């Protein structure tokens, strides 16, 4: 019995690294990923529906190990938008991320939506809403000398929601994602 254990133990120790060679690292649904927008000014004025959007992923660690290698990009598209109204209403834009590009060019399907954008409210559907200028407008309307200028500017649209270059977005992963691991990183 002891001789069988001696012969099986070294074999088991040699096979353990081979079994984990092609394993994927799992990013569970509900996890939050952060990324930086690559476009200089992302808004409904500069983009059309269906245009690609690139976002460089920040490092993700789970259980003390890095899951996403350096240089990972999240790819998505400019899904939908609503321009602000002339008199009332704020605009919004929606970004959908559907794949992850891991160096040296592996593509992993992904389903993620935006849950946080700096300085702008985001609703449950992942739409990034514009802020408008309610304080500025109310102050300008209290000064009678500026009323002619305010009347001229009244038909203009309010500000569109816009993401500047290097804006950091937080995305929520909607489905489990298996990230293929390079055997050299283990």
C-alpha atoms as a PDB file:
ATOM      1  CA  UNK A   1       0.000   0.000   0.000  1.00  0.00           C
ATOM      2  CA  UNK A   2       2.784   2.399   0.887  1.00  0.00           C
ATOM      3  CA  UNK A   3       4.670   1.627  -2.348  1.00  0.00           C
ATOM      4  CA  UNK A   4       1.562   2.487  -4.429  1.00  0.00           C
ATOM      5  CA  UNK A   5       1.258   5.828  -2.633  1.00  0.00           C
ATOM      6  CA  UNK A   6       4.924   6.546  -3.314  1.00  0.00           C
ATOM      7  CA  UNK A   7       4.474   5.926  -7.041  1.00  0.00           C
ATOM      8  CA  UNK A   8       1.207   7.915  -7.379  1.00  0.00           C
ATOM      9  CA  UNK A   9       2.235  10.959  -5.335  1.00  0.00           C
ATOM     10  CA  UNK A  10       5.003  12.207  -7.697  1.00  0.00           C
ATOM     11  CA  UNK A  11       2.708  11.665 -10.684  1.00  0.00           C
ATOM     12  CA  UNK A  12      -0.061  13.715  -9.033  1.00  0.00           C
ATOM     13  CA  UNK A  13       2.399  16.515  -8.233  1.00  0.00           C
ATOM     14  CA  UNK A  14       3.541  16.618 -11.865  1.00  0.00           C
ATOM     15  CA  UNK A  15       0.018  16.644 -13.296  1.00  0.00           C
ATOM     16  CA  UNK A  16      -1.343  19.464 -11.103  1.00  0.00           C
ATOM     17  CA  UNK A  17       0.314  22.315 -13.080  1.00  0.00           C
ATOM     18  CA  UNK A  18      -0.754  20.719 -16.363  1.00  0.00           C
ATOM     19  CA  UNK A  19      -4.405  20.608 -15.290  1.00  0.00           C
ATOM     20  CA  UNK A  20      -4.421  24.331 -14.564  1.00  0.00           C
ATOM     21  CA  UNK A  21      -2.558  25.199 -17.815  1.00  0.00           C
ATOM     22  CA  UNK A  22      -5.597  26.187 -19.921  1.00  0.00           C
ATOM     23  CA  UNK A  23      -7.883  27.259 -17.090  1.00  0.00           C
ATOM     24  CA  UNK A  24      -9.815  30.504 -17.207  1.00  0.00           C
ATOM     25  CA  UNK A  25      -9.955  33.059 -14.431  1.00  0.00           C
ATOM     26  CA  UNK A  26     -13.592  33.862 -13.655  1.00  0.00           C
ATOM     27  CA  UNK A  27     -14.978  37.381 -13.252  1.00  0.00           C
ATOM     28  CA  UNK A  28     -18.408  36.785 -11.683  1.00  0.00           C
ATOM     29  CA  UNK A  29     -21.571  38.608 -12.723  1.00  0.00           C
ATOM     30  CA  UNK A  30     -22.109  41.747 -10.667  1.00  0.00           C
ATOM     31  CA  UNK A  31     -18.391  42.584 -10.487  1.00  0.00           C
ATOM     32  CA  UNK A  32     -17.333  46.161 -11.115  1.00  0.00           C
ATOM     33  CA  UNK A  33     -14.677  46.998 -13.699  1.00  0.00           C
ATOM     34  CA  UNK A  34     -13.087  50.392 -14.157  1.00  0.00           C
ATOM     35  CA  UNK A  35     -11.814  51.706 -17.453  1.00  0.00           C
ATOM     36  CA  UNK A  36     -10.609  54.945 -19.044  1.00  0.00           C
ATOM     37  CA  UNK A  37     -12.306  56.283 -22.177  1.00  0.00           C
ATOM     38  CA  UNK A  38      -9.940  56.531 -25.145  1.00  0.00           C
ATOM     39  CA  UNK A  39     -11.902  59.047 -27.258  1.00  0.00           C
ATOM     40  CA  UNK A  40     -11.108  62.769 -26.717  1.00  0.00           C
ATOM     41  CA  UNK A  41     -14.717  64.025 -26.504  1.00  0.00           C
ATOM     42  CA  UNK A  42     -17.439  61.395 -26.443  1.00  0.00           C
ATOM     43  CA  UNK A  43     -20.948  62.816 -26.935  1.00  0.00           C
ATOM     44  CA  UNK A  44     -23.942  62.657 -29.271  1.00  0.00           C
ATOM     45  CA  UNK A  45     -22.431  65.545 -31.205  1.00  0.00           C
ATOM     46  CA  UNK A  46     -19.238  63.643 -32.073  1.00  0.00           C
ATOM     47  CA  UNK A  47     -20.579  60.067 -32.321  1.00  0.00           C
ATOM     48  CA  UNK A  48     -23.297  58.285 -34.284  1.00  0.00           C
ATOM     49  CA  UNK A  49     -25.336  55.306 -33.109  1.00  0.00           C
ATOM     50  CA  UNK A  50     -23.277  52.156 -33.599  1.00  0.00           C
ATOM     51  CA  UNK A  51     -19.879  53.880 -33.525  1.00  0.00           C
ATOM     52  CA  UNK A  52     -17.208  51.891 -31.646  1.00  0.00           C
ATOM     53  CA  UNK A  53     -16.084  52.973 -28.191  1.00  0.00           C
ATOM     54  CA  UNK A  54     -12.760  51.904 -26.647  1.00  0.00           C
ATOM     55  CA  UNK A  55     -12.053  51.923 -22.948  1.00  0.00           C
ATOM     56  CA  UNK A  56      -8.719  50.830 -21.418  1.00  0.00           C
ATOM     57  CA  UNK A  57      -9.358  48.480 -18.501  1.00  0.00           C
ATOM     58  CA  UNK A  58      -7.791  49.103 -15.113  1.00  0.00           C
ATOM     59  CA  UNK A  59      -6.089  46.189 -13.353  1.00  0.00           C
ATOM     60  CA  UNK A  60      -8.475  43.776 -11.612  1.00  0.00           C
ATOM     61  CA  UNK A  61      -7.341  41.606  -8.732  1.00  0.00           C
ATOM     62  CA  UNK A  62      -9.209  38.686  -7.252  1.00  0.00           C
ATOM     63  CA  UNK A  63      -7.859  36.711  -4.309  1.00  0.00           C
ATOM     64  CA  UNK A  64      -4.536  38.539  -4.555  1.00  0.00           C
ATOM     65  CA  UNK A  65      -3.942  37.651  -8.218  1.00  0.00           C
ATOM     66  CA  UNK A  66      -4.205  39.868 -11.258  1.00  0.00           C
ATOM     67  CA  UNK A  67      -7.038  38.785 -13.554  1.00  0.00           C
ATOM     68  CA  UNK A  68      -6.712  41.220 -16.467  1.00  0.00           C
ATOM     69  CA  UNK A  69      -3.283  41.640 -18.055  1.00  0.00           C
ATOM     70  CA  UNK A  70      -1.879  45.089 -18.793  1.00  0.00           C
ATOM     71  CA  UNK A  71      -3.152  46.488 -22.085  1.00  0.00           C
ATOM     72  CA  UNK A  72      -6.648  44.972 -21.899  1.00  0.00           C
ATOM     73  CA  UNK A  73      -9.306  47.012 -23.699  1.00  0.00           C
ATOM     74  CA  UNK A  74     -13.072  46.928 -23.426  1.00  0.00           C
ATOM     75  CA  UNK A  75     -14.829  47.400 -26.741  1.00  0.00           C
ATOM     76  CA  UNK A  76     -18.361  48.629 -27.068  1.00  0.00           C
ATOM     77  CA  UNK A  77     -20.559  50.876 -29.094  1.00  0.00           C
ATOM     78  CA  UNK A  78     -22.447  54.130 -28.815  1.00  0.00           C
ATOM     79  CA  UNK A  79     -25.872  52.549 -28.354  1.00  0.00           C
ATOM     80  CA  UNK A  80     -28.408  55.369 -28.110  1.00  0.00           C
ATOM     81  CA  UNK A  81     -28.840  59.005 -27.106  1.00  0.00           C
ATOM     82  CA  UNK A  82     -31.334  61.814 -26.587  1.00  0.00           C
ATOM     83  CA  UNK A  83     -30.334  65.397 -27.168  1.00  0.00           C
ATOM     84  CA  UNK A  84     -31.457  67.969 -24.598  1.00  0.00           C
ATOM     85  CA  UNK A  85     -34.641  69.869 -25.412  1.00  0.00           C
ATOM     86  CA  UNK A  86     -34.789  73.468 -26.504  1.00  0.00           C
ATOM     87  CA  UNK A  87     -36.761  74.632 -23.462  1.00  0.00           C
ATOM     88  CA  UNK A  88     -36.859  71.689 -21.033  1.00  0.00           C
ATOM     89  CA  UNK A  89     -35.325  68.263 -20.651  1.00  0.00           C
ATOM     90  CA  UNK A  90     -31.796  67.019 -20.264  1.00  0.00           C
ATOM     91  CA  UNK A  91     -29.981  64.821 -22.727  1.00  0.00           C
ATOM     92  CA  UNK A  92     -28.521  61.353 -22.160  1.00  0.00           C
ATOM     93  CA  UNK A  93     -26.317  58.825 -23.932  1.00  0.00           C
ATOM     94  CA  UNK A  94     -25.974  55.073 -23.582  1.00  0.00           C
ATOM     95  CA  UNK A  95     -22.819  52.990 -24.047  1.00  0.00           C
ATOM     96  CA  UNK A  96     -22.855  49.176 -24.282  1.00  0.00           C
ATOM     97  CA  UNK A  97     -19.704  47.104 -23.885  1.00  0.00           C
ATOM     98  CA  UNK A  98     -19.796  43.661 -25.492  1.00  0.00           C
ATOM     99  CA  UNK A  99     -16.219  42.359 -25.729  1.00  0.00           C
ATOM    100  CA  UNK A 100     -12.854  42.455 -24.063  1.00  0.00           C
ATOM    101  CA  UNK A 101      -9.590  42.417 -26.043  1.00  0.00           C
ATOM    102  CA  UNK A 102      -6.783  40.785 -24.079  1.00  0.00           C
ATOM    103  CA  UNK A 103      -3.206  41.018 -25.387  1.00  0.00           C
ATOM    104  CA  UNK A 104      -1.987  39.577 -27.737  1.00  0.00           C
ATOM    105  CA  UNK A 105      -5.414  39.879 -29.393  1.00  0.00           C
ATOM    106  CA  UNK A 106      -7.707  37.373 -27.696  1.00  0.00           C
ATOM    107  CA  UNK A 107     -11.348  38.454 -27.828  1.00  0.00           C
ATOM    108  CA  UNK A 108     -13.579  37.508 -24.905  1.00  0.00           C
ATOM    109  CA  UNK A 109     -17.353  38.140 -25.056  1.00  0.00           C
ATOM    110  CA  UNK A 110     -18.593  40.430 -22.319  1.00  0.00           C
ATOM    111  CA  UNK A 111     -21.857  42.017 -21.252  1.00  0.00           C
ATOM    112  CA  UNK A 112     -21.379  45.195 -19.207  1.00  0.00           C
ATOM    113  CA  UNK A 113     -23.205  48.451 -18.616  1.00  0.00           C
ATOM    114  CA  UNK A 114     -22.101  51.787 -17.205  1.00  0.00           C
ATOM    115  CA  UNK A 115     -22.987  52.383 -13.543  1.00  0.00           C
ATOM    116  CA  UNK A 116     -20.824  55.444 -12.809  1.00  0.00           C
ATOM    117  CA  UNK A 117     -19.488  58.334 -14.866  1.00  0.00           C
ATOM    118  CA  UNK A 118     -17.561  61.186 -13.213  1.00  0.00           C
ATOM    119  CA  UNK A 119     -19.745  64.198 -12.455  1.00  0.00           C
ATOM    120  CA  UNK A 120     -22.845  62.877 -14.236  1.00  0.00           C
ATOM    121  CA  UNK A 121     -25.817  60.883 -12.992  1.00  0.00           C
ATOM    122  CA  UNK A 122     -26.306  57.359 -14.410  1.00  0.00           C
ATOM    123  CA  UNK A 123     -29.717  55.637 -14.303  1.00  0.00           C
ATOM    124  CA  UNK A 124     -30.537  51.921 -13.904  1.00  0.00           C
ATOM    125  CA  UNK A 125     -30.487  51.311 -17.659  1.00  0.00           C
ATOM    126  CA  UNK A 126     -26.899  52.585 -17.847  1.00  0.00           C
ATOM    127  CA  UNK A 127     -27.739  55.914 -19.478  1.00  0.00           C
ATOM    128  CA  UNK A 128     -25.389  58.789 -18.711  1.00  0.00           C
ATOM    129  CA  UNK A 129     -27.487  61.928 -18.133  1.00  0.00           C
ATOM    130  CA  UNK A 130     -26.400  65.529 -18.670  1.00  0.00           C
ATOM    131  CA  UNK A 131     -26.525  68.038 -15.848  1.00  0.00           C
ATOM    132  CA  UNK A 132     -27.823  71.221 -17.440  1.00  0.00           C
ATOM    133  CA  UNK A 133     -27.311  74.658 -15.898  1.00  0.00           C
ATOM    134  CA  UNK A 134     -30.230  75.238 -13.479  1.00  0.00           C
ATOM    135  CA  UNK A 135     -28.302  77.429 -11.007  1.00  0.00           C
ATOM    136  CA  UNK A 136     -26.682  79.564 -13.698  1.00  0.00           C
ATOM    137  CA  UNK A 137     -29.983  79.998 -15.552  1.00  0.00           C
ATOM    138  CA  UNK A 138     -31.923  80.956 -12.437  1.00  0.00           C
ATOM    139  CA  UNK A 139     -29.306  83.526 -11.419  1.00  0.00           C
ATOM    140  CA  UNK A 140     -29.180  85.051 -14.912  1.00  0.00           C
ATOM    141  CA  UNK A 141     -32.991  85.382 -15.025  1.00  0.00           C
ATOM    142  CA  UNK A 142     -32.970  87.355 -11.757  1.00  0.00           C
ATOM    143  CA  UNK A 143     -30.929  90.153 -13.346  1.00  0.00           C
ATOM    144  CA  UNK A 144     -33.280  92.279 -15.518  1.00  0.00           C
ATOM    145  CA  UNK A 145     -30.437  93.824 -17.541  1.00  0.00           C
ATOM    146  CA  UNK A 146     -29.586  90.354 -18.935  1.00  0.00           C
ATOM    147  CA  UNK A 147     -33.167  89.475 -19.979  1.00  0.00           C
ATOM    148  CA  UNK A 148     -32.683  90.376 -23.672  1.00  0.00           C
ATOM    149  CA  UNK A 149     -29.659  88.046 -23.844  1.00  0.00           C
ATOM    150  CA  UNK A 150     -31.596  85.342 -21.999  1.00  0.00           C
ATOM    151  CA  UNK A 151     -34.499  85.657 -24.450  1.00  0.00           C
ATOM    152  CA  UNK A 152     -32.125  85.289 -27.399  1.00  0.00           C
ATOM    153  CA  UNK A 153     -30.494  82.204 -25.826  1.00  0.00           C
ATOM    154  CA  UNK A 154     -33.788  80.616 -24.775  1.00  0.00           C
ATOM    155  CA  UNK A 155     -34.316  78.532 -27.949  1.00  0.00           C
ATOM    156  CA  UNK A 156     -30.788  77.068 -27.794  1.00  0.00           C
ATOM    157  CA  UNK A 157     -30.367  73.505 -26.644  1.00  0.00           C
ATOM    158  CA  UNK A 158     -28.938  72.749 -23.238  1.00  0.00           C
ATOM    159  CA  UNK A 159     -25.572  71.047 -22.851  1.00  0.00           C
ATOM    160  CA  UNK A 160     -25.169  67.478 -24.102  1.00  0.00           C
ATOM    161  CA  UNK A 161     -23.632  64.888 -21.808  1.00  0.00           C
ATOM    162  CA  UNK A 162     -19.962  64.569 -22.783  1.00  0.00           C
ATOM    163  CA  UNK A 163     -17.134  62.358 -21.576  1.00  0.00           C
ATOM    164  CA  UNK A 164     -13.675  63.884 -21.803  1.00  0.00           C
ATOM    165  CA  UNK A 165     -10.575  61.900 -22.699  1.00  0.00           C
ATOM    166  CA  UNK A 166      -9.310  59.725 -19.864  1.00  0.00           C
ATOM    167  CA  UNK A 167     -12.680  59.832 -18.046  1.00  0.00           C
ATOM    168  CA  UNK A 168     -12.870  56.866 -15.694  1.00  0.00           C
ATOM    169  CA  UNK A 169     -16.052  54.808 -16.072  1.00  0.00           C
ATOM    170  CA  UNK A 170     -17.238  52.081 -13.740  1.00  0.00           C
ATOM    171  CA  UNK A 171     -18.957  49.156 -15.466  1.00  0.00           C
ATOM    172  CA  UNK A 172     -21.035  46.346 -14.005  1.00  0.00           C
ATOM    173  CA  UNK A 173     -20.472  42.893 -15.497  1.00  0.00           C
ATOM    174  CA  UNK A 174     -23.888  41.387 -16.296  1.00  0.00           C
ATOM    175  CA  UNK A 175     -22.794  37.754 -17.005  1.00  0.00           C
ATOM    176  CA  UNK A 176     -19.895  35.618 -15.777  1.00  0.00           C
ATOM    177  CA  UNK A 177     -16.761  36.135 -17.867  1.00  0.00           C
ATOM    178  CA  UNK A 178     -13.968  33.599 -18.252  1.00  0.00           C
ATOM    179  CA  UNK A 179     -10.635  35.309 -18.855  1.00  0.00           C
ATOM    180  CA  UNK A 180      -8.048  32.980 -20.415  1.00  0.00           C
ATOM    181  CA  UNK A 181      -4.876  33.037 -18.367  1.00  0.00           C
ATOM    182  CA  UNK A 182      -1.393  32.967 -19.827  1.00  0.00           C
ATOM    183  CA  UNK A 183       0.543  30.070 -18.264  1.00  0.00           C
ATOM    184  CA  UNK A 184       3.502  32.390 -17.654  1.00  0.00           C
ATOM    185  CA  UNK A 185       1.475  34.563 -15.248  1.00  0.00           C
ATOM    186  CA  UNK A 186       0.644  31.746 -12.830  1.00  0.00           C
END
